[in-house]
Amino acid sequence: MKVRGTVATMLVAIALTAAERPVTTYSIVARDAATGELGVAVQSHWFSVGSIVSWAEAGVGAVATQSFVDPSYGALGLTLLRAGRSAPEALAGLLGADPGRDVRQVAIVDAAGRVAAHTGARCIAAAGHVTGDGFSVQANLMDNPKVWPAMHGAFVKAQGDLADRLLAALDAAQAAGGDIRGKQSAALLVVRGTATGRPWVDRRFDLRIEDHPEPLAELRRLLRLARAYERSNHGDELATLQQWDEAGREYAAAAAALAPEIAELPFWHAAALATAGRLDEARPLFAEVFAREPRWRELVPRLPAAGLLPDDAALIAKIVAIGQERH
């Protein structure tokens, strides 16, 4: 493969600026065939693994770079994919420019689902990778060589969306022995299949556990909360369109089903109901929130000026009074 112009210059920079860090770990890169979503999930006994290993761009691809990691593999890998290279071509370009390729472990999946992976001969055992249809799993410094095959099997069998399936692979790795040193950090990055030009919209999930005794359990907790806020945000969008029933279903799913411990979610559901003239339906939600976190009552009079409740003094007084008769 011939690479010309600025891409070639950037590839040469790998050899000149490589910052080797011993980020030994297990990870998965994958594309969801149904939605086109792209993602990376990773766990390691290393601080803030997600800031180094995981890279993804909507409509472009995903990269995991690890072992004696050169983080530039992530940015340059995406650059090559964005320039039209396939995952195998991008990986060949990265490795060809890197004299340290024997200590690298890297996997790439592109927006078409093509996959390429590399485990250098000097990666610390147990180390290896296995690819599947639209995904690759890879690991180094593992307790045993059963880890990455276990990840492969779990991902293939898992149900749910891409985020659920990525985490199933991490759980399987840990159950098979995981990192011989133990656990410290984890990350999940999922981007949409098609770029909107707004990266903050294209990133569906971008979650990191920097340092925790049970990083995978904490990552699952954060994913649950992320899903709750995703549903609540959709509720806000529907409320803006005055689609009150549809908005209510989204708010209810967020607050009751996904994150019952978060008082803020039912508060905004109640505010939307009150705005729609449905104070009787909003009343028990306001009462629950005010009982759990009384300071939310103080927020109510501030909302009309921001357009988040009607500018109706009588309505505001009724909301503020909810639950006070019990005191």
C-alpha atoms as a PDB file:
ATOM      1  CA  MET A   1       0.000   0.000   0.000  1.00  0.00           C
ATOM      2  CA  LYS A   2       1.288   3.500  -0.884  1.00  0.00           C
ATOM      3  CA  VAL A   3       0.293   6.363   1.370  1.00  0.00           C
ATOM      4  CA  ARG A   4       0.998   9.885   0.127  1.00  0.00           C
ATOM      5  CA  GLY A   5       0.918  13.437   1.408  1.00  0.00           C
ATOM      6  CA  THR A   6       0.132  14.472   4.935  1.00  0.00           C
ATOM      7  CA  VAL A   7      -1.025  10.988   5.951  1.00  0.00           C
ATOM      8  CA  ALA A   8       2.428   9.608   5.123  1.00  0.00           C
ATOM      9  CA  THR A   9       4.053  12.393   7.131  1.00  0.00           C
ATOM     10  CA  MET A  10       1.840  11.630  10.100  1.00  0.00           C
ATOM     11  CA  LEU A  11       2.687   7.940   9.936  1.00  0.00           C
ATOM     12  CA  VAL A  12       6.401   8.685  10.053  1.00  0.00           C
ATOM     13  CA  ALA A  13       5.720  10.702  13.195  1.00  0.00           C
ATOM     14  CA  ILE A  14       4.880   7.471  15.022  1.00  0.00           C
ATOM     15  CA  ALA A  15       8.526   6.464  15.021  1.00  0.00           C
ATOM     16  CA  LEU A  16       9.610   9.924  16.163  1.00  0.00           C
ATOM     17  CA  THR A  17       7.105  10.667  18.923  1.00  0.00           C
ATOM     18  CA  ALA A  18       6.007   7.280  20.229  1.00  0.00           C
ATOM     19  CA  ALA A  19       5.125   7.494  23.923  1.00  0.00           C
ATOM     20  CA  GLU A  20       5.368   3.940  25.163  1.00  0.00           C
ATOM     21  CA  ARG A  21       3.294   3.141  28.211  1.00  0.00           C
ATOM     22  CA  PRO A  22       2.780  -0.400  29.520  1.00  0.00           C
ATOM     23  CA  VAL A  23      -1.012  -0.417  29.197  1.00  0.00           C
ATOM     24  CA  THR A  24      -1.509  -4.150  29.352  1.00  0.00           C
ATOM     25  CA  THR A  25      -5.167  -4.917  29.117  1.00  0.00           C
ATOM     26  CA  TYR A  26      -8.062  -6.648  27.408  1.00  0.00           C
ATOM     27  CA  SER A  27     -10.366  -4.903  24.967  1.00  0.00           C
ATOM     28  CA  ILE A  28     -12.870  -5.287  22.142  1.00  0.00           C
ATOM     29  CA  VAL A  29     -13.604  -3.195  19.056  1.00  0.00           C
ATOM     30  CA  ALA A  30     -16.820  -3.842  17.160  1.00  0.00           C
ATOM     31  CA  ARG A  31     -19.396  -2.619  14.667  1.00  0.00           C
ATOM     32  CA  ASP A  32     -23.085  -3.388  15.096  1.00  0.00           C
ATOM     33  CA  ALA A  33     -24.335  -4.712  11.776  1.00  0.00           C
ATOM     34  CA  ALA A  34     -27.924  -3.601  12.455  1.00  0.00           C
ATOM     35  CA  THR A  35     -27.299   0.010  13.500  1.00  0.00           C
ATOM     36  CA  GLY A  36     -23.811   0.708  12.188  1.00  0.00           C
ATOM     37  CA  GLU A  37     -22.734   1.815  15.671  1.00  0.00           C
ATOM     38  CA  LEU A  38     -19.017   1.482  16.394  1.00  0.00           C
ATOM     39  CA  GLY A  39     -17.486   0.901  19.782  1.00  0.00           C
ATOM     40  CA  VAL A  40     -14.566   0.054  22.021  1.00  0.00           C
ATOM     41  CA  ALA A  41     -14.642  -1.399  25.520  1.00  0.00           C
ATOM     42  CA  VAL A  42     -11.605  -2.006  27.698  1.00  0.00           C
ATOM     43  CA  GLN A  43     -10.485  -2.963  31.217  1.00  0.00           C
ATOM     44  CA  SER A  44      -7.010  -2.860  32.728  1.00  0.00           C
ATOM     45  CA  HIS A  45      -4.972  -2.727  35.892  1.00  0.00           C
ATOM     46  CA  TRP A  46      -3.794   0.717  34.799  1.00  0.00           C
ATOM     47  CA  PHE A  47      -5.050   4.177  35.713  1.00  0.00           C
ATOM     48  CA  SER A  48      -7.430   5.853  33.241  1.00  0.00           C
ATOM     49  CA  VAL A  49      -7.158   3.199  30.548  1.00  0.00           C
ATOM     50  CA  GLY A  50      -9.936   4.732  28.446  1.00  0.00           C
ATOM     51  CA  SER A  51      -7.980   7.942  27.869  1.00  0.00           C
ATOM     52  CA  ILE A  52      -5.265   5.980  26.060  1.00  0.00           C
ATOM     53  CA  VAL A  53      -6.671   2.793  24.542  1.00  0.00           C
ATOM     54  CA  SER A  54     -10.101   3.600  23.091  1.00  0.00           C
ATOM     55  CA  TRP A  55     -10.734   5.658  19.948  1.00  0.00           C
ATOM     56  CA  ALA A  56     -13.818   5.867  17.739  1.00  0.00           C
ATOM     57  CA  GLU A  57     -15.448   8.226  15.256  1.00  0.00           C
ATOM     58  CA  ALA A  58     -18.974   7.990  13.882  1.00  0.00           C
ATOM     59  CA  GLY A  59     -19.091   6.792  10.295  1.00  0.00           C
ATOM     60  CA  VAL A  60     -15.336   6.118  10.337  1.00  0.00           C
ATOM     61  CA  GLY A  61     -14.267   3.321  12.667  1.00  0.00           C
ATOM     62  CA  ALA A  62     -12.921   2.299  16.053  1.00  0.00           C
ATOM     63  CA  VAL A  63      -9.407   1.562  17.294  1.00  0.00           C
ATOM     64  CA  ALA A  64      -7.982  -0.056  20.421  1.00  0.00           C
ATOM     65  CA  THR A  65      -4.258   0.524  20.954  1.00  0.00           C
ATOM     66  CA  GLN A  66      -2.595  -1.221  23.908  1.00  0.00           C
ATOM     67  CA  SER A  67       0.312  -3.283  25.300  1.00  0.00           C
ATOM     68  CA  PHE A  68       3.359  -0.929  25.219  1.00  0.00           C
ATOM     69  CA  VAL A  69       0.924   1.527  23.819  1.00  0.00           C
ATOM     70  CA  ASP A  70       1.516   4.259  21.298  1.00  0.00           C
ATOM     71  CA  PRO A  71      -1.582   6.470  21.631  1.00  0.00           C
ATOM     72  CA  SER A  72      -0.950   7.984  18.195  1.00  0.00           C
ATOM     73  CA  TYR A  73      -2.177   4.713  16.682  1.00  0.00           C
ATOM     74  CA  GLY A  74      -5.677   5.819  17.674  1.00  0.00           C
ATOM     75  CA  ALA A  75      -5.661   9.246  16.063  1.00  0.00           C
ATOM     76  CA  LEU A  76      -3.665   8.159  13.009  1.00  0.00           C
ATOM     77  CA  GLY A  77      -5.728   5.020  12.564  1.00  0.00           C
ATOM     78  CA  LEU A  78      -8.899   7.100  12.387  1.00  0.00           C
ATOM     79  CA  THR A  79      -7.179   9.524  10.018  1.00  0.00           C
ATOM     80  CA  LEU A  80      -6.367   6.677   7.636  1.00  0.00           C
ATOM     81  CA  LEU A  81      -9.899   5.316   7.813  1.00  0.00           C
ATOM     82  CA  ARG A  82     -11.316   8.769   7.210  1.00  0.00           C
ATOM     83  CA  ALA A  83      -9.071   9.016   4.135  1.00  0.00           C
ATOM     84  CA  GLY A  84     -10.716   5.916   2.695  1.00  0.00           C
ATOM     85  CA  ARG A  85      -8.356   3.172   3.829  1.00  0.00           C
ATOM     86  CA  SER A  86      -9.857  -0.115   5.017  1.00  0.00           C
ATOM     87  CA  ALA A  87      -9.070  -1.424   8.483  1.00  0.00           C
ATOM     88  CA  PRO A  88      -6.414  -3.863   7.144  1.00  0.00           C
ATOM     89  CA  GLU A  89      -4.813  -1.091   5.067  1.00  0.00           C
ATOM     90  CA  ALA A  90      -4.797   1.315   8.002  1.00  0.00           C
ATOM     91  CA  LEU A  91      -3.209  -1.250  10.301  1.00  0.00           C
ATOM     92  CA  ALA A  92      -0.554  -2.097   7.722  1.00  0.00           C
ATOM     93  CA  GLY A  93       0.304   1.578   7.416  1.00  0.00           C
ATOM     94  CA  LEU A  94       0.606   2.035  11.164  1.00  0.00           C
ATOM     95  CA  LEU A  95       2.754  -1.025  11.703  1.00  0.00           C
ATOM     96  CA  GLY A  96       4.947  -0.309   8.702  1.00  0.00           C
ATOM     97  CA  ALA A  97       5.940   3.067  10.139  1.00  0.00           C
ATOM     98  CA  ASP A  98       6.609   1.798  13.668  1.00  0.00           C
ATOM     99  CA  PRO A  99       9.924   0.207  14.704  1.00  0.00           C
ATOM    100  CA  GLY A 100       8.238  -0.752  17.979  1.00  0.00           C
ATOM    101  CA  ARG A 101       5.574  -2.897  16.310  1.00  0.00           C
ATOM    102  CA  ASP A 102       6.677  -6.026  18.169  1.00  0.00           C
ATOM    103  CA  VAL A 103       5.473  -4.619  21.506  1.00  0.00           C
ATOM    104  CA  ARG A 104       2.210  -3.215  20.174  1.00  0.00           C
ATOM    105  CA  GLN A 105      -1.242  -4.714  20.287  1.00  0.00           C
ATOM    106  CA  VAL A 106      -3.873  -2.977  18.191  1.00  0.00           C
ATOM    107  CA  ALA A 107      -7.253  -3.706  16.635  1.00  0.00           C
ATOM    108  CA  ILE A 108      -9.268  -1.697  14.120  1.00  0.00           C
ATOM    109  CA  VAL A 109     -12.794  -1.987  12.756  1.00  0.00           C
ATOM    110  CA  ASP A 110     -13.959   0.312   9.973  1.00  0.00           C
ATOM    111  CA  ALA A 111     -17.417   1.620   9.119  1.00  0.00           C
ATOM    112  CA  ALA A 112     -17.946  -1.250   6.666  1.00  0.00           C
ATOM    113  CA  GLY A 113     -17.238  -3.828   9.376  1.00  0.00           C
ATOM    114  CA  ARG A 114     -13.813  -4.846   8.082  1.00  0.00           C
ATOM    115  CA  VAL A 115     -11.471  -5.848  10.897  1.00  0.00           C
ATOM    116  CA  ALA A 116      -7.719  -6.039  11.412  1.00  0.00           C
ATOM    117  CA  ALA A 117      -5.703  -6.893  14.515  1.00  0.00           C
ATOM    118  CA  HIS A 118      -2.068  -7.291  15.521  1.00  0.00           C
ATOM    119  CA  THR A 119      -0.395  -8.813  18.583  1.00  0.00           C
ATOM    120  CA  GLY A 120       3.330  -8.135  18.583  1.00  0.00           C
ATOM    121  CA  ALA A 121       5.729 -10.989  19.248  1.00  0.00           C
ATOM    122  CA  ARG A 122       7.040  -9.251  22.376  1.00  0.00           C
ATOM    123  CA  CYS A 123       3.681  -8.530  24.027  1.00  0.00           C
ATOM    124  CA  ILE A 124       3.662  -9.970  27.533  1.00  0.00           C
ATOM    125  CA  ALA A 125       2.068 -13.416  27.784  1.00  0.00           C
ATOM    126  CA  ALA A 126      -0.573 -14.523  27.896  1.00  0.00           C
ATOM    127  CA  ALA A 127      -1.310 -12.417  24.832  1.00  0.00           C
ATOM    128  CA  GLY A 128      -3.327 -12.858  21.683  1.00  0.00           C
ATOM    129  CA  HIS A 129      -6.346 -11.838  19.674  1.00  0.00           C
ATOM    130  CA  VAL A 130      -9.168 -13.352  17.673  1.00  0.00           C
ATOM    131  CA  THR A 131     -11.374 -11.645  15.111  1.00  0.00           C
ATOM    132  CA  GLY A 132     -14.980 -12.264  14.184  1.00  0.00           C
ATOM    133  CA  ASP A 133     -17.613 -10.813  11.908  1.00  0.00           C
ATOM    134  CA  GLY A 134     -17.273  -7.076  12.487  1.00  0.00           C
ATOM    135  CA  PHE A 135     -15.270  -7.292  15.707  1.00  0.00           C
ATOM    136  CA  SER A 136     -11.951  -8.152  17.306  1.00  0.00           C
ATOM    137  CA  VAL A 137     -11.011  -9.096  20.868  1.00  0.00           C
ATOM    138  CA  GLN A 138      -7.446  -8.801  22.146  1.00  0.00           C
ATOM    139  CA  ALA A 139      -5.579  -9.126  25.403  1.00  0.00           C
ATOM    140  CA  ASN A 140      -2.085  -9.181  26.885  1.00  0.00           C
ATOM    141  CA  LEU A 141      -0.577  -9.925  30.307  1.00  0.00           C
ATOM    142  CA  MET A 142      -3.558 -12.156  30.996  1.00  0.00           C
ATOM    143  CA  ASP A 143      -3.856 -14.807  33.667  1.00  0.00           C
ATOM    144  CA  ASN A 144      -4.247 -17.453  30.956  1.00  0.00           C
ATOM    145  CA  PRO A 145      -4.810 -17.818  27.186  1.00  0.00           C
ATOM    146  CA  LYS A 146      -8.524 -18.549  27.623  1.00  0.00           C
ATOM    147  CA  VAL A 147      -9.386 -14.892  28.121  1.00  0.00           C
ATOM    148  CA  TRP A 148      -9.749 -13.625  24.556  1.00  0.00           C
ATOM    149  CA  PRO A 149     -11.560 -16.737  23.266  1.00  0.00           C
ATOM    150  CA  ALA A 150     -14.012 -16.267  26.141  1.00  0.00           C
ATOM    151  CA  MET A 151     -14.570 -12.677  25.030  1.00  0.00           C
ATOM    152  CA  HIS A 152     -15.216 -13.821  21.467  1.00  0.00           C
ATOM    153  CA  GLY A 153     -17.800 -16.369  22.550  1.00  0.00           C
ATOM    154  CA  ALA A 154     -19.568 -13.963  24.884  1.00  0.00           C
ATOM    155  CA  PHE A 155     -19.852 -11.196  22.296  1.00  0.00           C
ATOM    156  CA  VAL A 156     -21.279 -13.548  19.681  1.00  0.00           C
ATOM    157  CA  LYS A 157     -23.889 -14.902  22.089  1.00  0.00           C
ATOM    158  CA  ALA A 158     -24.803 -11.669  23.869  1.00  0.00           C
ATOM    159  CA  GLN A 159     -28.163  -9.947  23.439  1.00  0.00           C
ATOM    160  CA  GLY A 160     -28.952  -6.245  23.482  1.00  0.00           C
ATOM    161  CA  ASP A 161     -27.436  -3.257  21.769  1.00  0.00           C
ATOM    162  CA  LEU A 162     -23.740  -2.781  21.047  1.00  0.00           C
ATOM    163  CA  ALA A 163     -22.973  -1.363  24.493  1.00  0.00           C
ATOM    164  CA  ASP A 164     -24.528  -4.380  26.225  1.00  0.00           C
ATOM    165  CA  ARG A 165     -22.633  -6.797  24.008  1.00  0.00           C
ATOM    166  CA  LEU A 166     -19.305  -5.022  24.512  1.00  0.00           C
ATOM    167  CA  LEU A 167     -19.695  -5.203  28.278  1.00  0.00           C
ATOM    168  CA  ALA A 168     -20.648  -8.885  28.036  1.00  0.00           C
ATOM    169  CA  ALA A 169     -17.253  -9.475  26.419  1.00  0.00           C
ATOM    170  CA  LEU A 170     -15.454  -7.663  29.245  1.00  0.00           C
ATOM    171  CA  ASP A 171     -17.359  -9.632  31.868  1.00  0.00           C
ATOM    172  CA  ALA A 172     -16.381 -12.872  30.135  1.00  0.00           C
ATOM    173  CA  ALA A 173     -12.735 -11.843  30.115  1.00  0.00           C
ATOM    174  CA  GLN A 174     -12.775 -11.213  33.831  1.00  0.00           C
ATOM    175  CA  ALA A 175     -14.593 -14.468  34.519  1.00  0.00           C
ATOM    176  CA  ALA A 176     -11.948 -16.355  32.531  1.00  0.00           C
ATOM    177  CA  GLY A 177      -9.117 -14.920  34.636  1.00  0.00           C
ATOM    178  CA  GLY A 178      -8.607 -11.422  33.284  1.00  0.00           C
ATOM    179  CA  ASP A 179      -5.513  -9.313  33.806  1.00  0.00           C
ATOM    180  CA  ILE A 180      -3.046 -11.235  35.963  1.00  0.00           C
ATOM    181  CA  ARG A 181      -2.484  -8.084  38.062  1.00  0.00           C
ATOM    182  CA  GLY A 182      -6.172  -7.507  38.817  1.00  0.00           C
ATOM    183  CA  LYS A 183      -8.549  -4.618  38.073  1.00  0.00           C
ATOM    184  CA  GLN A 184      -8.358  -0.839  38.170  1.00  0.00           C
ATOM    185  CA  SER A 185     -10.001   1.059  35.322  1.00  0.00           C
ATOM    186  CA  ALA A 186     -12.407   0.507  32.433  1.00  0.00           C
ATOM    187  CA  ALA A 187     -14.056   2.418  29.618  1.00  0.00           C
ATOM    188  CA  LEU A 188     -16.874   2.187  27.100  1.00  0.00           C
ATOM    189  CA  LEU A 189     -17.036   4.301  23.937  1.00  0.00           C
ATOM    190  CA  VAL A 190     -19.913   3.892  21.454  1.00  0.00           C
ATOM    191  CA  VAL A 191     -20.497   6.221  18.494  1.00  0.00           C
ATOM    192  CA  ARG A 192     -23.275   6.298  15.954  1.00  0.00           C
ATOM    193  CA  GLY A 193     -23.038   4.653  12.578  1.00  0.00           C
ATOM    194  CA  THR A 194     -23.428   7.882  10.616  1.00  0.00           C
ATOM    195  CA  ALA A 195     -21.720  11.155  11.426  1.00  0.00           C
ATOM    196  CA  THR A 196     -23.907  14.208  11.960  1.00  0.00           C
ATOM    197  CA  GLY A 197     -21.047  16.699  11.960  1.00  0.00           C
ATOM    198  CA  ARG A 198     -21.689  17.220  15.692  1.00  0.00           C
ATOM    199  CA  PRO A 199     -19.317  14.934  17.623  1.00  0.00           C
ATOM    200  CA  TRP A 200     -21.175  15.538  20.892  1.00  0.00           C
ATOM    201  CA  VAL A 201     -24.270  14.038  19.279  1.00  0.00           C
ATOM    202  CA  ASP A 202     -22.370  11.245  17.543  1.00  0.00           C
ATOM    203  CA  ARG A 203     -20.982   9.898  20.840  1.00  0.00           C
ATOM    204  CA  ARG A 204     -23.798   7.824  22.255  1.00  0.00           C
ATOM    205  CA  PHE A 205     -21.825   6.581  25.269  1.00  0.00           C
ATOM    206  CA  ASP A 206     -18.432   7.818  26.450  1.00  0.00           C
ATOM    207  CA  LEU A 207     -17.899   6.408  29.926  1.00  0.00           C
ATOM    208  CA  ARG A 208     -14.689   6.003  31.899  1.00  0.00           C
ATOM    209  CA  ILE A 209     -13.863   4.468  35.241  1.00  0.00           C
ATOM    210  CA  GLU A 210     -10.466   5.894  36.088  1.00  0.00           C
ATOM    211  CA  ASP A 211      -9.716   4.040  39.332  1.00  0.00           C
ATOM    212  CA  HIS A 212     -12.083   1.675  41.135  1.00  0.00           C
ATOM    213  CA  PRO A 213     -11.872  -1.685  42.941  1.00  0.00           C
ATOM    214  CA  GLU A 214     -14.684  -3.052  40.720  1.00  0.00           C
ATOM    215  CA  PRO A 215     -14.408  -1.126  37.465  1.00  0.00           C
ATOM    216  CA  LEU A 216     -16.702  -3.361  35.412  1.00  0.00           C
ATOM    217  CA  ALA A 217     -19.535  -3.191  37.933  1.00  0.00           C
ATOM    218  CA  GLU A 218     -19.110   0.577  38.126  1.00  0.00           C
ATOM    219  CA  LEU A 219     -19.069   0.824  34.330  1.00  0.00           C
ATOM    220  CA  ARG A 220     -22.388  -1.031  34.167  1.00  0.00           C
ATOM    221  CA  ARG A 221     -23.848   1.346  36.759  1.00  0.00           C
ATOM    222  CA  LEU A 222     -22.786   4.342  34.713  1.00  0.00           C
ATOM    223  CA  LEU A 223     -24.192   2.792  31.541  1.00  0.00           C
ATOM    224  CA  ARG A 224     -27.548   2.389  33.292  1.00  0.00           C
ATOM    225  CA  LEU A 225     -27.488   6.055  34.301  1.00  0.00           C
ATOM    226  CA  ALA A 226     -26.405   7.109  30.815  1.00  0.00           C
ATOM    227  CA  ARG A 227     -29.380   5.272  29.365  1.00  0.00           C
ATOM    228  CA  ALA A 228     -31.663   7.016  31.867  1.00  0.00           C
ATOM    229  CA  TYR A 229     -30.427  10.466  30.919  1.00  0.00           C
ATOM    230  CA  GLU A 230     -30.630   9.541  27.230  1.00  0.00           C
ATOM    231  CA  ARG A 231     -34.333   8.730  27.687  1.00  0.00           C
ATOM    232  CA  SER A 232     -34.901  11.869  29.755  1.00  0.00           C
ATOM    233  CA  ASN A 233     -33.228  14.030  27.119  1.00  0.00           C
ATOM    234  CA  HIS A 234     -35.501  12.489  24.509  1.00  0.00           C
ATOM    235  CA  GLY A 235     -38.416  13.338  26.771  1.00  0.00           C
ATOM    236  CA  ASP A 236     -37.275  16.963  26.792  1.00  0.00           C
ATOM    237  CA  GLU A 237     -37.188  16.972  22.988  1.00  0.00           C
ATOM    238  CA  LEU A 238     -40.714  15.571  22.801  1.00  0.00           C
ATOM    239  CA  ALA A 239     -41.965  18.034  25.408  1.00  0.00           C
ATOM    240  CA  THR A 240     -40.574  20.892  23.320  1.00  0.00           C
ATOM    241  CA  LEU A 241     -42.754  19.573  20.494  1.00  0.00           C
ATOM    242  CA  GLN A 242     -45.685  19.388  22.942  1.00  0.00           C
ATOM    243  CA  GLN A 243     -45.931  15.643  22.439  1.00  0.00           C
ATOM    244  CA  TRP A 244     -46.800  15.256  26.107  1.00  0.00           C
ATOM    245  CA  ASP A 245     -47.847  11.602  26.225  1.00  0.00           C
ATOM    246  CA  GLU A 246     -44.755  10.447  24.357  1.00  0.00           C
ATOM    247  CA  ALA A 247     -42.568  12.654  26.525  1.00  0.00           C
ATOM    248  CA  GLY A 248     -44.166  11.230  29.656  1.00  0.00           C
ATOM    249  CA  ARG A 249     -43.325   7.685  28.602  1.00  0.00           C
ATOM    250  CA  GLU A 250     -39.683   8.653  28.089  1.00  0.00           C
ATOM    251  CA  TYR A 251     -39.485  10.456  31.430  1.00  0.00           C
ATOM    252  CA  ALA A 252     -41.125   7.555  33.230  1.00  0.00           C
ATOM    253  CA  ALA A 253     -38.757   5.037  31.666  1.00  0.00           C
ATOM    254  CA  ALA A 254     -35.791   7.154  32.713  1.00  0.00           C
ATOM    255  CA  ALA A 255     -36.855   7.786  36.295  1.00  0.00           C
ATOM    256  CA  ALA A 256     -38.771   4.713  37.346  1.00  0.00           C
ATOM    257  CA  ALA A 257     -37.190   1.949  35.300  1.00  0.00           C
ATOM    258  CA  LEU A 258     -33.567   2.999  34.864  1.00  0.00           C
ATOM    259  CA  ALA A 259     -32.557   5.422  37.615  1.00  0.00           C
ATOM    260  CA  PRO A 260     -35.041   5.545  40.488  1.00  0.00           C
ATOM    261  CA  GLU A 261     -32.311   6.881  42.783  1.00  0.00           C
ATOM    262  CA  ILE A 262     -31.946  10.148  40.824  1.00  0.00           C
ATOM    263  CA  ALA A 263     -34.449  12.745  42.091  1.00  0.00           C
ATOM    264  CA  GLU A 264     -33.809  15.174  39.265  1.00  0.00           C
ATOM    265  CA  LEU A 265     -35.348  12.955  36.599  1.00  0.00           C
ATOM    266  CA  PRO A 266     -38.907  12.865  38.031  1.00  0.00           C
ATOM    267  CA  PHE A 267     -38.633  16.588  38.780  1.00  0.00           C
ATOM    268  CA  TRP A 268     -38.327  17.463  35.099  1.00  0.00           C
ATOM    269  CA  HIS A 269     -41.066  14.996  34.254  1.00  0.00           C
ATOM    270  CA  ALA A 270     -43.302  16.821  36.736  1.00  0.00           C
ATOM    271  CA  ALA A 271     -42.307  20.207  35.323  1.00  0.00           C
ATOM    272  CA  ALA A 272     -43.252  19.059  31.825  1.00  0.00           C
ATOM    273  CA  LEU A 273     -46.628  17.815  33.066  1.00  0.00           C
ATOM    274  CA  ALA A 274     -47.289  21.093  34.864  1.00  0.00           C
ATOM    275  CA  THR A 275     -46.387  23.022  31.727  1.00  0.00           C
ATOM    276  CA  ALA A 276     -48.896  20.912  29.808  1.00  0.00           C
ATOM    277  CA  GLY A 277     -51.637  21.872  32.283  1.00  0.00           C
ATOM    278  CA  ARG A 278     -51.601  18.447  33.974  1.00  0.00           C
ATOM    279  CA  LEU A 279     -50.775  19.495  37.526  1.00  0.00           C
ATOM    280  CA  ASP A 280     -52.791  16.670  39.094  1.00  0.00           C
ATOM    281  CA  GLU A 281     -50.521  14.156  37.351  1.00  0.00           C
ATOM    282  CA  ALA A 282     -47.443  16.159  38.288  1.00  0.00           C
ATOM    283  CA  ARG A 283     -48.368  16.498  41.948  1.00  0.00           C
ATOM    284  CA  PRO A 284     -47.190  13.062  43.203  1.00  0.00           C
ATOM    285  CA  LEU A 285     -43.921  13.429  41.312  1.00  0.00           C
ATOM    286  CA  PHE A 286     -43.231  16.860  42.822  1.00  0.00           C
ATOM    287  CA  ALA A 287     -44.171  15.512  46.251  1.00  0.00           C
ATOM    288  CA  GLU A 288     -41.716  12.635  45.911  1.00  0.00           C
ATOM    289  CA  VAL A 289     -38.880  14.902  44.811  1.00  0.00           C
ATOM    290  CA  PHE A 290     -39.482  17.543  47.496  1.00  0.00           C
ATOM    291  CA  ALA A 291     -39.604  14.861  50.195  1.00  0.00           C
ATOM    292  CA  ARG A 292     -36.300  13.386  49.051  1.00  0.00           C
ATOM    293  CA  GLU A 293     -34.447  16.618  48.253  1.00  0.00           C
ATOM    294  CA  PRO A 294     -36.233  19.704  49.658  1.00  0.00           C
ATOM    295  CA  ARG A 295     -34.027  22.218  47.857  1.00  0.00           C
ATOM    296  CA  TRP A 296     -35.721  21.363  44.560  1.00  0.00           C
ATOM    297  CA  ARG A 297     -38.723  23.289  45.920  1.00  0.00           C
ATOM    298  CA  GLU A 298     -36.573  26.434  45.934  1.00  0.00           C
ATOM    299  CA  LEU A 299     -35.814  25.979  42.246  1.00  0.00           C
ATOM    300  CA  VAL A 300     -39.448  26.143  41.124  1.00  0.00           C
ATOM    301  CA  PRO A 301     -39.935  29.972  41.213  1.00  0.00           C
ATOM    302  CA  ARG A 302     -36.771  30.416  39.135  1.00  0.00           C
ATOM    303  CA  LEU A 303     -37.987  28.329  36.205  1.00  0.00           C
ATOM    304  CA  PRO A 304     -40.587  30.586  34.508  1.00  0.00           C
ATOM    305  CA  ALA A 305     -37.920  33.143  33.589  1.00  0.00           C
ATOM    306  CA  ALA A 306     -36.041  30.387  31.791  1.00  0.00           C
ATOM    307  CA  GLY A 307     -39.173  29.193  30.013  1.00  0.00           C
ATOM    308  CA  LEU A 308     -39.236  25.883  31.888  1.00  0.00           C
ATOM    309  CA  LEU A 309     -42.572  26.521  33.652  1.00  0.00           C
ATOM    310  CA  PRO A 310     -45.457  28.852  32.715  1.00  0.00           C
ATOM    311  CA  ASP A 311     -45.221  32.411  34.006  1.00  0.00           C
ATOM    312  CA  ASP A 312     -48.237  31.852  36.218  1.00  0.00           C
ATOM    313  CA  ALA A 313     -47.844  32.948  39.843  1.00  0.00           C
ATOM    314  CA  ALA A 314     -50.817  30.872  41.004  1.00  0.00           C
ATOM    315  CA  LEU A 315     -49.431  27.723  39.411  1.00  0.00           C
ATOM    316  CA  ILE A 316     -45.992  28.313  40.915  1.00  0.00           C
ATOM    317  CA  ALA A 317     -47.525  28.810  44.347  1.00  0.00           C
ATOM    318  CA  LYS A 318     -49.465  25.550  44.023  1.00  0.00           C
ATOM    319  CA  ILE A 319     -46.322  23.630  43.073  1.00  0.00           C
ATOM    320  CA  VAL A 320     -44.259  25.130  45.910  1.00  0.00           C
ATOM    321  CA  ALA A 321     -47.024  24.209  48.384  1.00  0.00           C
ATOM    322  CA  ILE A 322     -47.056  20.539  47.388  1.00  0.00           C
ATOM    323  CA  GLY A 323     -46.207  18.429  50.391  1.00  0.00           C
ATOM    324  CA  GLN A 324     -45.927  21.339  52.821  1.00  0.00           C
ATOM    325  CA  GLU A 325     -49.250  20.530  54.435  1.00  0.00           C
ATOM    326  CA  ARG A 326     -47.551  17.520  56.014  1.00  0.00           C
ATOM    327  CA  HIS A 327     -45.083  19.679  57.948  1.00  0.00           C
END
